[in-house]
């Protein structure tokens, strides 16, 4: 297989592209089962157009992640969870 073959596929049937792009957010957030994630990876590897869309979505997701600081867990929540765990373990 040449590099050109690896990065292209027939776009006469776009169902695979539609499914891949519908799942791209779940894929980016590691919310897919591994077999489903593997299918997305294979499709992105074969489809330059979908890979470009994925790159854009990935960049946007990373920018959002960087712009939002990770909030601290309130001490009252930590105390409540600790208390519930102790009750459960009795």
N, C-alpha and C. Protein backbone atom coordinates (compact mmCIF):
# COMPACT_ATOMS: atom_id res chain seq x y z
N UNK A 1 0.86 -1.18 0.00
CA UNK A 1 0.00 0.00 0.00
C UNK A 1 0.89 1.23 0.00
N UNK A 2 0.64 2.15 -0.87
CA UNK A 2 1.42 3.39 -0.91
C UNK A 2 0.88 4.37 0.11
N UNK A 3 1.68 5.39 0.41
CA UNK A 3 1.22 6.41 1.35
C UNK A 3 -0.05 7.09 0.85
N UNK A 4 -0.16 7.30 -0.45
CA UNK A 4 -1.36 7.91 -1.01
C UNK A 4 -2.58 7.05 -0.79
N UNK A 5 -2.42 5.71 -0.93
CA UNK A 5 -3.54 4.81 -0.68
C UNK A 5 -3.94 4.82 0.79
N UNK A 6 -2.95 4.94 1.66
CA UNK A 6 -3.23 4.88 3.08
C UNK A 6 -4.06 6.08 3.54
N UNK A 7 -3.91 7.22 2.91
CA UNK A 7 -4.57 8.44 3.36
C UNK A 7 -5.80 8.81 2.55
N UNK A 8 -6.36 7.86 1.79
CA UNK A 8 -7.55 8.19 1.04
C UNK A 8 -8.49 6.99 1.00
N UNK A 9 -9.73 7.26 0.74
CA UNK A 9 -10.71 6.21 0.52
C UNK A 9 -11.85 6.78 -0.30
N UNK A 10 -12.68 5.90 -0.81
CA UNK A 10 -13.77 6.32 -1.69
C UNK A 10 -14.82 7.08 -0.90
N UNK A 11 -15.14 8.28 -1.33
CA UNK A 11 -16.16 9.07 -0.67
C UNK A 11 -17.51 8.97 -1.37
N UNK A 12 -17.68 7.95 -2.22
CA UNK A 12 -18.97 7.72 -2.84
C UNK A 12 -20.01 7.33 -1.80
N UNK A 13 -19.56 6.65 -0.76
CA UNK A 13 -20.42 6.23 0.35
C UNK A 13 -19.92 6.92 1.61
N UNK A 14 -20.65 7.89 2.12
CA UNK A 14 -20.18 8.72 3.23
C UNK A 14 -20.65 8.24 4.60
N UNK A 15 -21.33 7.11 4.67
CA UNK A 15 -21.84 6.64 5.96
C UNK A 15 -20.72 6.49 7.00
N UNK A 16 -19.57 5.93 6.58
CA UNK A 16 -18.46 5.77 7.52
C UNK A 16 -17.97 7.12 8.03
N UNK A 17 -17.91 8.09 7.14
CA UNK A 17 -17.47 9.43 7.54
C UNK A 17 -18.46 10.05 8.52
N UNK A 18 -19.73 9.92 8.25
CA UNK A 18 -20.76 10.48 9.13
C UNK A 18 -20.66 9.84 10.51
N UNK A 19 -20.55 8.52 10.55
CA UNK A 19 -20.44 7.82 11.85
C UNK A 19 -19.16 8.24 12.59
N UNK A 20 -18.06 8.35 11.88
CA UNK A 20 -16.80 8.73 12.52
C UNK A 20 -16.89 10.14 13.10
N UNK A 21 -17.44 11.06 12.35
CA UNK A 21 -17.51 12.44 12.83
C UNK A 21 -18.55 12.61 13.94
N UNK A 22 -19.59 11.77 13.94
CA UNK A 22 -20.56 11.81 15.04
C UNK A 22 -19.93 11.34 16.34
N UNK A 23 -18.94 10.46 16.25
CA UNK A 23 -18.31 9.88 17.44
C UNK A 23 -17.03 10.60 17.85
N UNK A 24 -16.64 11.64 17.13
CA UNK A 24 -15.34 12.26 17.37
C UNK A 24 -15.24 12.86 18.77
N UNK A 25 -16.30 13.45 19.29
CA UNK A 25 -16.25 14.03 20.64
C UNK A 25 -16.07 12.95 21.69
N UNK A 26 -16.82 11.87 21.58
CA UNK A 26 -16.67 10.76 22.51
C UNK A 26 -15.26 10.17 22.41
N UNK A 27 -14.74 10.09 21.20
CA UNK A 27 -13.39 9.59 20.99
C UNK A 27 -12.36 10.50 21.66
N UNK A 28 -12.50 11.80 21.49
CA UNK A 28 -11.57 12.75 22.09
C UNK A 28 -11.59 12.70 23.62
N UNK A 29 -12.74 12.38 24.18
CA UNK A 29 -12.88 12.35 25.64
C UNK A 29 -12.74 10.94 26.21
N UNK A 30 -12.24 10.03 25.39
CA UNK A 30 -12.00 8.64 25.82
C UNK A 30 -13.26 7.99 26.39
N UNK A 31 -14.39 8.24 25.75
CA UNK A 31 -15.67 7.71 26.20
C UNK A 31 -16.15 6.52 25.38
N UNK A 32 -15.35 6.08 24.41
CA UNK A 32 -15.75 4.95 23.57
C UNK A 32 -15.11 3.67 24.06
N UNK A 33 -15.81 2.58 23.87
CA UNK A 33 -15.21 1.28 24.14
C UNK A 33 -14.04 1.10 23.17
N UNK A 34 -13.03 0.37 23.57
CA UNK A 34 -11.82 0.24 22.77
C UNK A 34 -12.07 -0.26 21.34
N UNK A 35 -12.95 -1.25 21.13
CA UNK A 35 -13.21 -1.66 19.74
C UNK A 35 -13.79 -0.53 18.89
N UNK A 36 -14.66 0.30 19.48
CA UNK A 36 -15.22 1.43 18.74
C UNK A 36 -14.15 2.50 18.48
N UNK A 37 -13.30 2.73 19.46
CA UNK A 37 -12.21 3.69 19.29
C UNK A 37 -11.25 3.21 18.19
N UNK A 38 -11.02 1.91 18.13
CA UNK A 38 -10.15 1.36 17.08
C UNK A 38 -10.74 1.62 15.69
N UNK A 39 -12.05 1.49 15.56
CA UNK A 39 -12.69 1.76 14.27
C UNK A 39 -12.54 3.22 13.88
N UNK A 40 -12.65 4.11 14.84
CA UNK A 40 -12.47 5.54 14.56
C UNK A 40 -11.03 5.79 14.14
N UNK A 41 -10.07 5.21 14.87
CA UNK A 41 -8.66 5.38 14.50
C UNK A 41 -8.39 4.91 13.08
N UNK A 42 -8.92 3.74 12.74
CA UNK A 42 -8.71 3.21 11.39
C UNK A 42 -9.31 4.13 10.34
N UNK A 43 -10.50 4.63 10.61
CA UNK A 43 -11.14 5.52 9.65
C UNK A 43 -10.34 6.81 9.50
N UNK A 44 -9.93 7.40 10.61
CA UNK A 44 -9.16 8.64 10.54
C UNK A 44 -7.85 8.43 9.79
N UNK A 45 -7.27 7.28 9.96
CA UNK A 45 -6.02 6.95 9.26
C UNK A 45 -6.25 6.86 7.75
N UNK A 46 -7.43 6.44 7.35
CA UNK A 46 -7.73 6.23 5.93
C UNK A 46 -8.37 7.44 5.26
N UNK A 47 -8.90 8.37 6.03
CA UNK A 47 -9.69 9.46 5.45
C UNK A 47 -9.09 10.82 5.81
N UNK A 48 -8.48 11.43 4.84
CA UNK A 48 -7.83 12.71 5.06
C UNK A 48 -8.83 13.80 5.46
N UNK A 49 -10.01 13.80 4.86
CA UNK A 49 -11.02 14.82 5.19
C UNK A 49 -11.48 14.70 6.64
N UNK A 50 -11.73 13.48 7.08
CA UNK A 50 -12.17 13.29 8.47
C UNK A 50 -11.02 13.61 9.44
N UNK A 51 -9.80 13.28 9.05
CA UNK A 51 -8.65 13.58 9.90
C UNK A 51 -8.50 15.09 10.07
N UNK A 52 -8.73 15.85 9.03
CA UNK A 52 -8.68 17.31 9.14
C UNK A 52 -9.75 17.81 10.10
N UNK A 53 -10.96 17.26 10.01
CA UNK A 53 -12.04 17.64 10.94
C UNK A 53 -11.67 17.25 12.37
N UNK A 54 -11.10 16.05 12.52
CA UNK A 54 -10.67 15.59 13.85
C UNK A 54 -9.61 16.53 14.42
N UNK A 55 -8.65 16.93 13.60
CA UNK A 55 -7.60 17.84 14.07
C UNK A 55 -8.19 19.15 14.57
N UNK A 56 -9.17 19.67 13.86
CA UNK A 56 -9.83 20.91 14.28
C UNK A 56 -10.54 20.70 15.61
N UNK A 57 -11.32 19.63 15.71
CA UNK A 57 -12.04 19.34 16.96
C UNK A 57 -11.07 19.11 18.12
N UNK A 58 -9.98 18.43 17.84
CA UNK A 58 -8.97 18.17 18.86
C UNK A 58 -8.34 19.46 19.36
N UNK A 59 -8.05 20.36 18.45
CA UNK A 59 -7.47 21.65 18.81
C UNK A 59 -8.44 22.46 19.66
N UNK A 60 -9.69 22.50 19.27
CA UNK A 60 -10.71 23.24 20.03
C UNK A 60 -10.86 22.64 21.43
N UNK A 61 -10.93 21.31 21.51
CA UNK A 61 -11.06 20.64 22.80
C UNK A 61 -9.89 20.96 23.71
N UNK A 62 -8.68 20.94 23.16
CA UNK A 62 -7.49 21.24 23.96
C UNK A 62 -7.49 22.70 24.42
N UNK A 63 -7.92 23.61 23.57
CA UNK A 63 -7.99 25.02 23.95
C UNK A 63 -8.99 25.23 25.09
N UNK A 64 -10.12 24.57 25.01
CA UNK A 64 -11.12 24.67 26.08
C UNK A 64 -10.57 24.09 27.37
N UNK A 65 -9.94 22.93 27.27
CA UNK A 65 -9.37 22.27 28.45
C UNK A 65 -8.35 23.18 29.14
N UNK A 66 -7.50 23.83 28.35
CA UNK A 66 -6.47 24.72 28.91
C UNK A 66 -7.06 25.98 29.52
N UNK A 67 -8.17 26.44 28.99
CA UNK A 67 -8.75 27.70 29.46
C UNK A 67 -9.57 27.54 30.74
N UNK A 68 -9.87 26.33 31.10
CA UNK A 68 -10.70 26.10 32.28
C UNK A 68 -9.86 25.47 33.38
N UNK A 69 -9.59 26.21 34.45
CA UNK A 69 -8.81 25.63 35.54
C UNK A 69 -9.57 24.50 36.21
N UNK A 70 -8.83 23.54 36.71
CA UNK A 70 -9.44 22.41 37.41
C UNK A 70 -9.89 22.93 38.78
N UNK A 71 -11.19 22.83 39.06
CA UNK A 71 -11.68 23.36 40.34
C UNK A 71 -11.23 22.47 41.50
N UNK A 72 -10.99 23.11 42.63
CA UNK A 72 -10.63 22.38 43.84
C UNK A 72 -11.89 21.71 44.40
N UNK A 73 -11.70 20.57 45.01
CA UNK A 73 -12.82 19.86 45.62
C UNK A 73 -13.12 20.51 46.97
N UNK A 74 -14.37 20.90 47.21
CA UNK A 74 -14.70 21.53 48.50
C UNK A 74 -14.45 20.57 49.66
N UNK A 75 -13.90 21.11 50.74
CA UNK A 75 -13.60 20.29 51.92
C UNK A 75 -14.85 19.62 52.49
N UNK A 76 -16.00 20.29 52.36
CA UNK A 76 -17.24 19.69 52.88
C UNK A 76 -17.60 18.43 52.09
N UNK A 77 -17.32 18.42 50.80
CA UNK A 77 -17.58 17.24 49.98
C UNK A 77 -16.64 16.10 50.38
N UNK A 78 -15.37 16.42 50.57
CA UNK A 78 -14.40 15.41 50.98
C UNK A 78 -14.83 14.79 52.31
N UNK A 79 -15.25 15.63 53.27
CA UNK A 79 -15.68 15.14 54.58
C UNK A 79 -16.92 14.26 54.45
N UNK A 80 -17.84 14.65 53.62
CA UNK A 80 -19.08 13.87 53.41
C UNK A 80 -18.78 12.50 52.80
N UNK A 81 -17.92 12.47 51.81
CA UNK A 81 -17.55 11.19 51.17
C UNK A 81 -16.83 10.29 52.16
N UNK A 82 -15.94 10.86 52.95
CA UNK A 82 -15.23 10.08 53.97
C UNK A 82 -16.21 9.48 54.97
N UNK A 83 -17.18 10.27 55.41
CA UNK A 83 -18.17 9.79 56.36
C UNK A 83 -19.01 8.65 55.74
N UNK A 84 -19.42 8.81 54.48
CA UNK A 84 -20.22 7.77 53.83
C UNK A 84 -19.42 6.49 53.64
N UNK A 85 -18.15 6.60 53.33
CA UNK A 85 -17.30 5.41 53.19
C UNK A 85 -17.16 4.68 54.51
N UNK A 86 -16.99 5.43 55.60
CA UNK A 86 -16.85 4.80 56.93
C UNK A 86 -18.14 4.06 57.29
N UNK A 87 -19.27 4.68 57.01
CA UNK A 87 -20.56 4.02 57.29
C UNK A 87 -20.69 2.73 56.48
N UNK A 88 -20.32 2.81 55.21
CA UNK A 88 -20.42 1.65 54.33
C UNK A 88 -19.51 0.50 54.78
N UNK A 89 -18.33 0.84 55.27
CA UNK A 89 -17.36 -0.17 55.65
C UNK A 89 -17.66 -0.83 56.99
N UNK A 90 -18.59 -0.30 57.73
CA UNK A 90 -18.94 -0.90 59.04
C UNK A 90 -19.68 -2.16 58.88
